[in-house]
Amino acid sequence: MSTQKRAYALDALRGYAIITMVLSATVVAGILPEWMYHAQTPPPTHAYLPEISGLTWVDLVFPFFLFAMGAALPFSIGSRLERGVRWSKIALDVVLRWLQLAFFAIFIQHFYPYVLSAPQDWRSWLLAMAAFALLFPMFMRFKKVLPWVRVVIKVVAYGVALAMLLTTSYAGGRNFSPEFSNIIILILSNVALFAGLIYLATSAGWLAGRGRKVRMMLFALLALLVLGGDVEGSWAADVMHYSPIWWLLRFDYLRYLLILLPAMEAGEMLRQSMQGGADETEHTSSNNRWATVLGVAAVALVVATLCTVQNHEIGLWGVVTLALLCVMYVASKRIGGSMGKLWLQLTVLAAVLLALGVLAEPLQGGVKKDPATLSYLFTTAGLAVVSLVSLSVAVDYFGHRKILAFLWQSGQNPMVAYVACDLVVYPLLNLTGSVALLWPLYATPLLGAIHGFILTAITVLITMFTTRQKWFWRT
């Protein structure tokens, strides 16, 4: 594989996760089939039913994003260690990232239009757009200005944000509270802290040569801790429910490391393959055919898993998974070269995770997103690896980078994509009166899906524009 500056397949996976996250939030509620929503919140009421097990494409959104976060650690932290950056400096940056993401979670939650007023009005829409604009100086890295100027910009931006939080009036007489935050971003902030420190600890010092073994041991121990956490009154339950500051740091989120730990291994494989670019994989007709087989089998495996698990055909799930993994294994072996070796390693990793997912299915009531069961965590991590393989085939081997630009460009600026719809698209549609054009789309399931695709497309265009302008939000 060529030594490119970015892992575009990983960017594309992150982009897929953030785009489908927006799509799942913008399709019309209540009128679409069950598989268009979270398995545990079926239509028409979308009431949370914890006893329901299953898996839909919506349930893959969050774990795929977590996986992309974990797989990026070898690139972010690993490359800094190689450049000789002190581990204490990197550790401080990991902590700062945790705090910045937590502040981001609190800030955006307070400035969603529906939080600012009920019913929404022009004031709430303008405030939401102002909050979006303020996020640029808060999270952009101004490389072309003097260091002290960057500090001043950040301090002023965060100061204005804090003033807005404290002085703004909210719907229903609500006051500012740090306990009121976006739960998805809050979880991301926690796992970014845990995963970042774990990767740093297992990649520097005397553990540098033993990092993979240590992470595998942590994976096994954490799985047992999560399982023990279901036993009421046990010490494991006490650990999992411990929270020194419950609105900022919660140990219950440690369970998601079962996605990030194998993601780190996938990231290591990807980075090592990119660095060893001397052994390129030839584009022969045979390799092209086998690469196509590999990509199709990977996509088929994701689709087959969703269909069988959602319909509780667990035996069929295991058989189909084994068959398609064998196809992927043979295809990777036939391709050979640096790419074939990478895809073979990723296929083996996916096989281990999916096998664990099938074996753990009888535990904790099956595959459930909330609370996340072992089977759910293992299965979604395995599907993320499989999806990374399919995107690597498309982007890295066949070179479809332009066709998939909407994915990897969104993946390079995920924070923008996450908030653009609520803080920009909806306010603009309401302020201009264009939102009335969407009302007919609430009539039928097909139109309800189109409603989501339209809003998601606008969000993607905004994100792609900021990416092309190099207006990146970073923590």
Protein backbone atom coordinates (compact mmCIF):
# COMPACT_ATOMS: atom_id res chain seq x y z
CA MET A 1 0.00 0.00 0.00
CA SER A 2 1.30 3.42 -0.83
CA THR A 3 2.51 5.66 1.95
CA GLN A 4 -0.31 8.17 1.79
CA LYS A 5 -0.66 10.87 4.39
CA ARG A 6 -4.12 9.80 5.47
CA ALA A 7 -5.90 6.50 5.84
CA TYR A 8 -8.78 7.35 3.53
CA ALA A 9 -10.57 4.07 4.13
CA LEU A 10 -10.65 4.86 7.85
CA ASP A 11 -11.88 8.39 7.10
CA ALA A 12 -14.59 6.85 4.92
CA LEU A 13 -15.68 4.51 7.72
CA ARG A 14 -15.91 7.46 10.11
CA GLY A 15 -17.80 9.39 7.44
CA TYR A 16 -20.25 6.53 6.94
CA ALA A 17 -20.87 6.44 10.68
CA ILE A 18 -21.50 10.17 11.02
CA ILE A 19 -23.66 10.39 7.86
CA THR A 20 -25.86 7.48 8.92
CA MET A 21 -26.04 9.02 12.38
CA VAL A 22 -27.55 12.15 10.81
CA LEU A 23 -29.81 10.07 8.56
CA SER A 24 -31.15 8.01 11.45
CA ALA A 25 -32.08 11.24 13.26
CA THR A 26 -33.80 12.87 10.27
CA VAL A 27 -36.01 10.13 8.83
CA VAL A 28 -39.64 10.68 9.77
CA ALA A 29 -40.56 8.92 13.02
CA GLY A 30 -43.29 6.35 13.41
CA ILE A 31 -44.18 5.51 9.81
CA LEU A 32 -41.15 3.60 8.51
CA PRO A 33 -40.47 -0.17 8.92
CA GLU A 34 -38.90 -1.38 12.16
CA TRP A 35 -35.50 -1.90 10.56
CA MET A 36 -35.26 1.85 9.89
CA TYR A 37 -35.01 2.62 13.62
CA HIS A 38 -33.14 1.28 16.64
CA ALA A 39 -34.19 -2.30 17.34
CA GLN A 40 -35.17 -1.43 20.91
CA THR A 41 -37.31 1.61 19.97
CA PRO A 42 -39.67 0.26 17.30
CA PRO A 43 -42.43 2.29 15.64
CA PRO A 44 -44.95 3.72 15.97
CA THR A 45 -44.41 4.91 19.55
CA HIS A 46 -40.60 4.49 19.67
CA ALA A 47 -40.89 3.64 23.36
CA TYR A 48 -37.72 2.08 24.75
CA LEU A 49 -38.23 -1.67 25.22
CA PRO A 50 -35.15 -3.09 26.99
CA GLU A 51 -36.33 -6.69 26.64
CA ILE A 52 -36.11 -6.56 22.83
CA SER A 53 -32.96 -7.89 21.16
CA GLY A 54 -31.96 -7.34 17.56
CA LEU A 55 -29.76 -5.33 15.26
CA THR A 56 -30.56 -2.75 12.59
CA TRP A 57 -28.33 -0.48 10.52
CA VAL A 58 -29.12 2.31 12.98
CA ASP A 59 -27.60 0.25 15.79
CA LEU A 60 -24.29 0.15 13.88
CA VAL A 61 -23.88 3.91 13.70
CA PHE A 62 -22.44 4.58 17.16
CA PRO A 63 -20.12 1.53 17.42
CA PHE A 64 -18.73 2.22 13.94
CA PHE A 65 -17.83 5.74 15.03
CA LEU A 66 -16.24 4.40 18.22
CA PHE A 67 -14.28 1.89 16.17
CA ALA A 68 -12.99 4.63 13.86
CA MET A 69 -11.91 6.61 16.93
CA GLY A 70 -9.96 3.65 18.30
CA ALA A 71 -8.38 2.78 14.95
CA ALA A 72 -7.12 6.36 14.61
CA LEU A 73 -5.08 6.20 17.84
CA PRO A 74 -2.05 4.49 16.22
CA PHE A 75 -1.98 7.36 13.72
CA SER A 76 -2.44 10.20 16.21
CA ILE A 77 -0.62 8.99 19.32
CA GLY A 78 1.63 6.44 17.62
CA SER A 79 3.04 8.92 15.13
CA ARG A 80 3.72 11.46 17.89
CA LEU A 81 5.60 8.89 19.92
CA GLU A 82 7.73 8.09 16.87
CA ARG A 83 8.55 11.78 16.48
CA GLY A 84 9.88 11.82 20.02
CA VAL A 85 7.06 13.75 21.70
CA ARG A 86 7.16 13.18 25.46
CA TRP A 87 4.55 10.77 26.77
CA SER A 88 3.62 13.29 29.50
CA LYS A 89 2.77 15.87 26.81
CA ILE A 90 0.64 13.34 24.95
CA ALA A 91 -1.11 12.29 28.18
CA LEU A 92 -1.93 15.93 28.92
CA ASP A 93 -3.35 16.32 25.42
CA VAL A 94 -5.52 13.23 25.94
CA VAL A 95 -6.94 14.74 29.14
CA LEU A 96 -7.52 18.08 27.43
CA ARG A 97 -9.31 16.32 24.58
CA TRP A 98 -11.61 14.64 27.09
CA LEU A 99 -12.48 18.00 28.67
CA GLN A 100 -12.96 19.72 25.31
CA LEU A 101 -15.29 17.00 24.07
CA ALA A 102 -17.23 17.15 27.34
CA PHE A 103 -17.61 20.92 26.96
CA PHE A 104 -18.70 20.38 23.35
CA ALA A 105 -21.36 17.94 24.59
CA ILE A 106 -22.67 20.44 27.13
CA PHE A 107 -22.54 23.46 24.81
CA ILE A 108 -24.34 21.98 21.80
CA GLN A 109 -27.05 20.40 23.95
CA HIS A 110 -27.97 23.80 25.38
CA PHE A 111 -28.23 25.45 21.95
CA TYR A 112 -30.42 23.08 20.04
CA PRO A 113 -33.42 25.19 18.92
CA TYR A 114 -35.94 22.94 20.68
CA VAL A 115 -34.05 23.46 23.94
CA LEU A 116 -33.99 27.24 23.57
CA SER A 117 -37.73 27.72 23.06
CA ALA A 118 -40.95 25.76 22.74
CA PRO A 119 -42.37 26.31 20.24
CA GLN A 120 -39.24 27.27 18.35
CA ASP A 121 -38.96 30.87 17.18
CA TRP A 122 -36.57 33.16 15.30
CA ARG A 123 -34.58 33.80 18.49
CA SER A 124 -33.84 30.08 18.99
CA TRP A 125 -32.84 29.64 15.35
CA LEU A 126 -30.48 32.62 15.36
CA LEU A 127 -28.93 31.55 18.66
CA ALA A 128 -28.37 28.05 17.30
CA MET A 129 -26.59 29.44 14.25
CA ALA A 130 -24.54 31.78 16.44
CA ALA A 131 -23.48 28.78 18.54
CA PHE A 132 -22.42 26.95 15.37
CA ALA A 133 -20.33 29.94 14.27
CA LEU A 134 -18.67 30.14 17.69
CA LEU A 135 -17.58 26.52 17.46
CA PHE A 136 -15.13 27.45 14.68
CA PRO A 137 -12.76 29.55 16.82
CA MET A 138 -13.26 27.11 19.69
CA PHE A 139 -12.15 24.02 17.79
CA MET A 140 -10.23 25.13 14.69
CA ARG A 141 -6.44 25.04 14.76
CA PHE A 142 -5.06 28.30 13.43
CA LYS A 143 -1.64 27.17 12.25
CA LYS A 144 -0.74 30.37 10.39
CA VAL A 145 -0.97 32.70 13.39
CA LEU A 146 1.43 33.23 16.27
CA PRO A 147 1.08 30.81 19.21
CA TRP A 148 0.01 33.52 21.64
CA VAL A 149 -2.64 34.70 19.18
CA ARG A 150 -4.02 31.13 19.01
CA VAL A 151 -4.26 31.08 22.79
CA VAL A 152 -6.09 34.41 22.85
CA ILE A 153 -8.57 33.21 20.20
CA LYS A 154 -9.31 30.05 22.16
CA VAL A 155 -9.67 31.82 25.51
CA VAL A 156 -12.01 34.45 24.07
CA ALA A 157 -14.11 31.86 22.22
CA TYR A 158 -14.53 29.65 25.29
CA GLY A 159 -15.25 32.74 27.38
CA VAL A 160 -18.01 33.84 25.01
CA ALA A 161 -19.41 30.29 24.97
CA LEU A 162 -19.52 30.16 28.76
CA ALA A 163 -21.19 33.58 28.89
CA MET A 164 -23.81 32.40 26.40
CA LEU A 165 -24.49 29.30 28.48
CA LEU A 166 -24.92 31.29 31.69
CA THR A 167 -27.01 34.17 30.31
CA THR A 168 -29.30 32.47 27.80
CA SER A 169 -32.87 31.68 28.79
CA TYR A 170 -34.11 28.23 27.88
CA ALA A 171 -37.49 26.66 27.24
CA GLY A 172 -39.58 25.58 30.21
CA GLY A 173 -37.67 27.76 32.66
CA ARG A 174 -34.57 25.56 32.37
CA ASN A 175 -31.30 27.03 33.60
CA PHE A 176 -27.78 26.16 32.50
CA SER A 177 -26.53 22.93 34.01
CA PRO A 178 -23.38 20.95 33.21
CA GLU A 179 -25.45 17.83 33.87
CA PHE A 180 -27.49 18.60 30.74
CA SER A 181 -25.35 17.34 27.87
CA ASN A 182 -25.39 15.36 24.64
CA ILE A 183 -25.08 11.77 25.77
CA ILE A 184 -23.40 10.51 22.59
CA ILE A 185 -20.62 13.09 22.73
CA LEU A 186 -20.27 12.60 26.48
CA ILE A 187 -19.67 8.88 25.97
CA LEU A 188 -17.17 9.69 23.22
CA SER A 189 -15.31 12.04 25.57
CA ASN A 190 -15.06 9.31 28.21
CA VAL A 191 -13.86 6.58 25.87
CA ALA A 192 -11.43 9.03 24.24
CA LEU A 193 -9.87 9.49 27.68
CA PHE A 194 -9.78 5.80 28.62
CA ALA A 195 -8.65 4.57 25.22
CA GLY A 196 -6.09 7.31 24.71
CA LEU A 197 -4.39 6.62 28.04
CA ILE A 198 -4.47 2.86 27.48
CA TYR A 199 -2.92 3.12 24.04
CA LEU A 200 -0.28 5.53 25.31
CA ALA A 201 0.55 3.30 28.30
CA THR A 202 0.88 0.21 26.10
CA SER A 203 2.91 1.93 23.40
CA ALA A 204 5.54 3.78 25.45
CA GLY A 205 8.12 2.79 28.06
CA TRP A 206 8.68 -0.82 29.06
CA LEU A 207 5.29 -1.89 27.67
CA ALA A 208 6.13 -0.67 24.16
CA GLY A 209 7.06 -4.14 22.95
CA ARG A 210 4.24 -5.86 24.82
CA GLY A 211 1.40 -3.50 23.96
CA ARG A 212 -0.64 -5.96 21.88
CA LYS A 213 -0.51 -8.69 24.53
CA VAL A 214 -1.42 -6.25 27.29
CA ARG A 215 -4.38 -4.91 25.29
CA MET A 216 -5.59 -8.46 24.61
CA MET A 217 -5.42 -9.21 28.34
CA LEU A 218 -7.31 -6.00 29.13
CA PHE A 219 -9.94 -6.99 26.54
CA ALA A 220 -10.54 -10.33 28.28
CA LEU A 221 -10.60 -8.82 31.77
CA LEU A 222 -12.95 -6.04 30.71
CA ALA A 223 -15.35 -8.54 29.14
CA LEU A 224 -15.54 -10.40 32.43
CA LEU A 225 -16.03 -7.13 34.31
CA VAL A 226 -18.92 -6.14 32.04
CA LEU A 227 -20.49 -9.57 32.50
CA GLY A 228 -20.04 -9.39 36.26
CA GLY A 229 -21.53 -5.93 36.28
CA ASP A 230 -24.93 -7.50 35.57
CA VAL A 231 -24.87 -9.25 38.95
CA GLU A 232 -26.70 -6.91 41.28
CA GLY A 233 -24.83 -6.15 44.49
CA SER A 234 -21.52 -7.53 43.22
CA TRP A 235 -18.23 -5.65 43.41
CA ALA A 236 -18.18 -5.63 39.60
CA ALA A 237 -21.53 -3.85 39.55
CA ASP A 238 -20.17 -1.33 42.06
CA VAL A 239 -17.20 -0.65 39.79
CA MET A 240 -19.30 -0.31 36.66
CA HIS A 241 -21.71 2.07 38.38
CA TYR A 242 -18.98 4.17 40.01
CA SER A 243 -18.75 7.77 38.92
CA PRO A 244 -16.52 10.37 40.61
CA ILE A 245 -18.38 13.11 38.69
CA TRP A 246 -21.39 11.43 37.15
CA TRP A 247 -22.07 14.11 34.54
CA LEU A 248 -18.44 14.13 33.39
CA LEU A 249 -16.81 10.74 34.03
CA ARG A 250 -18.60 7.40 34.31
CA PHE A 251 -17.01 3.97 34.57
CA ASP A 252 -20.05 2.37 32.96
CA TYR A 253 -18.74 3.69 29.65
CA LEU A 254 -15.71 1.40 30.03
CA ARG A 255 -17.76 -1.29 28.29
CA TYR A 256 -17.28 0.50 24.97
CA LEU A 257 -13.55 -0.18 25.19
CA LEU A 258 -14.49 -3.66 23.96
CA ILE A 259 -14.92 -1.91 20.61
CA LEU A 260 -11.95 0.43 20.86
CA LEU A 261 -9.37 -2.15 21.98
CA PRO A 262 -9.72 -4.32 18.85
CA ALA A 263 -9.99 -1.10 16.84
CA MET A 264 -6.50 -0.19 18.04
CA GLU A 265 -5.23 -3.48 16.60
CA ALA A 266 -6.94 -2.77 13.28
CA GLY A 267 -5.38 0.69 13.28
CA GLU A 268 -1.94 -0.81 13.95
CA MET A 269 -2.39 -3.20 11.02
CA LEU A 270 -3.50 -0.39 8.73
CA ARG A 271 -0.67 1.93 9.73
CA GLN A 272 2.01 -0.74 9.39
CA SER A 273 0.69 -1.63 5.95
CA MET A 274 0.81 2.02 4.88
CA GLN A 275 4.37 2.36 6.13
CA GLY A 276 5.51 -0.76 4.27
CA GLY A 277 4.57 0.61 0.86
CA ALA A 278 7.45 -1.04 -1.02
CA ASP A 279 5.45 -4.24 -1.54
CA GLU A 280 2.63 -2.94 -3.72
CA THR A 281 -0.21 -5.22 -4.79
CA GLU A 282 -0.37 -5.51 -8.57
CA HIS A 283 -3.58 -4.69 -10.42
CA THR A 284 -3.82 -7.89 -12.42
CA SER A 285 -7.09 -9.22 -13.78
CA SER A 286 -6.96 -12.02 -11.22
CA ASN A 287 -6.39 -9.63 -8.33
CA ASN A 288 -9.19 -7.39 -9.59
CA ARG A 289 -11.61 -10.31 -9.59
CA TRP A 290 -10.60 -11.47 -6.13
CA ALA A 291 -10.71 -7.92 -4.76
CA THR A 292 -14.26 -7.61 -6.10
CA VAL A 293 -15.19 -10.91 -4.46
CA LEU A 294 -13.67 -9.71 -1.20
CA GLY A 295 -15.52 -6.40 -1.24
CA VAL A 296 -18.86 -7.99 -2.14
CA ALA A 297 -18.46 -10.69 0.53
CA ALA A 298 -17.67 -8.04 3.15
CA VAL A 299 -20.79 -6.02 2.33
CA ALA A 300 -22.88 -9.20 2.17
CA LEU A 301 -21.64 -10.19 5.62
CA VAL A 302 -22.85 -6.92 7.13
CA VAL A 303 -26.25 -7.18 5.45
CA ALA A 304 -26.65 -10.88 6.33
CA THR A 305 -25.82 -10.20 9.98
CA LEU A 306 -28.42 -7.45 10.19
CA CYS A 307 -31.10 -9.62 8.59
CA THR A 308 -30.46 -12.76 10.63
CA VAL A 309 -29.93 -11.10 14.02
CA GLN A 310 -32.94 -8.81 13.63
CA ASN A 311 -35.08 -11.85 12.81
CA HIS A 312 -33.48 -13.88 15.64
CA GLU A 313 -32.14 -16.54 13.26
CA ILE A 314 -29.01 -17.09 15.33
CA GLY A 315 -28.12 -20.49 13.85
CA LEU A 316 -28.38 -19.15 10.31
CA TRP A 317 -26.34 -16.11 11.39
CA GLY A 318 -23.48 -18.33 12.51
CA VAL A 319 -23.51 -20.45 9.34
CA VAL A 320 -23.67 -17.49 6.93
CA THR A 321 -21.00 -15.62 8.88
CA LEU A 322 -18.63 -18.59 8.72
CA ALA A 323 -19.22 -19.05 4.99
CA LEU A 324 -18.65 -15.41 4.07
CA LEU A 325 -15.57 -15.13 6.30
CA CYS A 326 -14.11 -18.15 4.50
CA VAL A 327 -14.72 -16.39 1.18
CA MET A 328 -12.98 -13.26 2.49
CA TYR A 329 -10.06 -15.32 3.78
CA VAL A 330 -9.54 -17.15 0.48
CA ALA A 331 -9.87 -13.93 -1.53
CA SER A 332 -7.30 -12.13 0.63
CA LYS A 333 -4.87 -15.05 0.31
CA ARG A 334 -5.26 -15.11 -3.48
CA ILE A 335 -4.60 -11.38 -3.79
CA GLY A 336 -1.39 -11.39 -1.77
CA GLY A 337 0.96 -8.41 -1.62
CA SER A 338 0.75 -5.69 1.03
CA MET A 339 -2.97 -5.15 0.58
CA GLY A 340 -3.79 -8.83 0.60
CA LYS A 341 -1.79 -9.25 3.79
CA LEU A 342 -3.63 -6.35 5.42
CA TRP A 343 -7.04 -7.66 4.41
CA LEU A 344 -6.11 -11.14 5.60
CA GLN A 345 -5.13 -9.79 9.03
CA LEU A 346 -8.33 -7.76 9.27
CA THR A 347 -10.43 -10.75 8.20
CA VAL A 348 -8.92 -12.89 10.96
CA LEU A 349 -9.59 -10.12 13.50
CA ALA A 350 -13.19 -9.84 12.28
CA ALA A 351 -13.61 -13.62 12.50
CA VAL A 352 -12.51 -13.65 16.15
CA LEU A 353 -14.84 -10.80 17.07
CA LEU A 354 -17.85 -12.20 15.21
CA ALA A 355 -17.26 -15.64 16.72
CA LEU A 356 -17.30 -14.03 20.15
CA GLY A 357 -20.49 -12.21 19.18
CA VAL A 358 -22.24 -15.44 18.23
CA LEU A 359 -21.00 -17.31 21.32
CA ALA A 360 -22.03 -14.48 23.65
CA GLU A 361 -25.51 -14.12 22.13
CA PRO A 362 -27.23 -16.31 24.79
CA LEU A 363 -25.80 -14.08 27.53
CA GLN A 364 -27.47 -10.87 28.77
CA GLY A 365 -30.58 -11.41 26.65
CA GLY A 366 -28.98 -11.35 23.20
CA VAL A 367 -27.73 -8.57 20.96
CA LYS A 368 -28.85 -5.33 22.60
CA LYS A 369 -27.63 -1.78 22.14
CA ASP A 370 -28.89 -0.40 25.45
CA PRO A 371 -27.49 -1.41 27.79
CA ALA A 372 -24.81 -2.67 25.44
CA THR A 373 -24.41 -6.43 25.80
CA LEU A 374 -21.20 -8.35 25.12
CA SER A 375 -22.72 -9.86 21.99
CA TYR A 376 -23.61 -6.41 20.68
CA LEU A 377 -20.14 -5.01 21.38
CA PHE A 378 -18.29 -7.97 19.84
CA THR A 379 -20.58 -8.19 16.81
CA THR A 380 -20.55 -4.51 15.94
CA ALA A 381 -16.77 -4.34 16.36
CA GLY A 382 -16.44 -7.30 13.97
CA LEU A 383 -18.77 -5.67 11.45
CA ALA A 384 -16.75 -2.46 11.68
CA VAL A 385 -13.60 -4.41 10.74
CA VAL A 386 -15.46 -6.01 7.82
CA SER A 387 -16.70 -2.60 6.67
CA LEU A 388 -13.16 -1.22 6.87
CA VAL A 389 -12.06 -4.03 4.54
CA SER A 390 -14.78 -3.21 2.01
CA LEU A 391 -13.91 0.49 2.05
CA SER A 392 -10.20 -0.28 1.75
CA VAL A 393 -10.94 -2.36 -1.34
CA ALA A 394 -12.95 0.49 -2.87
CA VAL A 395 -10.72 3.41 -1.89
CA ASP A 396 -7.20 1.98 -1.62
CA TYR A 397 -7.22 -0.73 -4.26
CA PHE A 398 -9.72 0.39 -6.90
CA GLY A 399 -9.03 4.08 -6.23
CA HIS A 400 -12.66 5.24 -6.01
CA ARG A 401 -11.63 8.20 -3.89
CA LYS A 402 -13.55 10.80 -5.92
CA ILE A 403 -16.74 8.73 -5.96
CA LEU A 404 -16.55 8.24 -2.18
CA ALA A 405 -15.41 11.79 -1.42
CA PHE A 406 -18.69 12.45 0.42
CA LEU A 407 -17.70 9.72 2.88
CA TRP A 408 -14.06 10.49 3.62
CA GLN A 409 -14.49 14.27 3.54
CA SER A 410 -17.33 13.98 6.06
CA GLY A 411 -15.15 11.63 8.08
CA GLN A 412 -12.36 14.20 8.24
CA ASN A 413 -14.67 16.76 9.89
CA PRO A 414 -17.13 14.68 11.95
CA MET A 415 -17.84 17.31 14.62
CA VAL A 416 -19.18 19.67 11.95
CA ALA A 417 -21.33 16.92 10.46
CA TYR A 418 -22.73 16.01 13.86
CA VAL A 419 -24.21 19.44 14.61
CA ALA A 420 -24.71 21.06 11.19
CA CYS A 421 -28.26 19.77 10.72
CA ASP A 422 -29.60 20.93 14.10
CA LEU A 423 -27.64 24.17 14.33
CA VAL A 424 -27.67 25.27 10.68
CA VAL A 425 -29.97 23.32 8.36
CA TYR A 426 -33.12 23.32 10.49
CA PRO A 427 -32.72 27.00 11.56
CA LEU A 428 -32.18 28.13 7.95
CA LEU A 429 -35.18 26.13 6.71
CA ASN A 430 -37.35 27.69 9.41
CA LEU A 431 -36.08 31.25 9.00
CA THR A 432 -36.63 31.16 5.23
CA GLY A 433 -39.96 29.34 5.46
CA SER A 434 -38.57 26.50 3.34
CA VAL A 435 -39.43 23.97 6.03
CA ALA A 436 -43.01 23.99 4.68
CA LEU A 437 -41.69 22.21 1.59
CA LEU A 438 -40.83 19.22 3.77
CA TRP A 439 -44.26 18.82 5.36
CA PRO A 440 -45.70 16.64 2.53
CA LEU A 441 -42.85 14.18 3.17
CA TYR A 442 -44.47 13.09 6.45
CA ALA A 443 -47.24 11.25 4.59
CA THR A 444 -45.82 7.86 3.57
CA PRO A 445 -42.86 5.63 4.49
CA LEU A 446 -41.07 6.31 1.20
CA LEU A 447 -41.48 10.06 1.54
CA GLY A 448 -40.44 9.84 5.19
CA ALA A 449 -37.18 8.22 4.11
CA ILE A 450 -36.68 10.84 1.40
CA HIS A 451 -37.11 13.52 4.10
CA GLY A 452 -34.10 12.09 5.89
CA PHE A 453 -32.01 11.77 2.73
CA ILE A 454 -32.64 15.42 1.79
CA LEU A 455 -31.61 16.80 5.19
CA THR A 456 -28.64 14.45 5.36
CA ALA A 457 -27.49 15.48 1.88
CA ILE A 458 -27.58 19.16 2.84
CA THR A 459 -25.60 18.38 6.01
CA VAL A 460 -23.02 16.43 3.99
CA LEU A 461 -22.61 19.33 1.54
CA ILE A 462 -21.96 21.75 4.42
CA THR A 463 -19.42 19.35 5.93
CA MET A 464 -17.67 18.76 2.61
CA PHE A 465 -17.40 22.53 2.09
CA THR A 466 -15.73 23.03 5.47
CA THR A 467 -13.38 20.13 4.78
CA ARG A 468 -12.34 21.51 1.39
CA GLN A 469 -11.76 24.91 2.99
CA LYS A 470 -9.64 23.11 5.61
CA TRP A 471 -11.87 24.45 8.40
CA PHE A 472 -11.35 21.41 10.60
CA TRP A 473 -12.71 21.16 14.12
CA ARG A 474 -10.26 19.32 16.34
CA THR A 475 -10.01 18.62 20.06
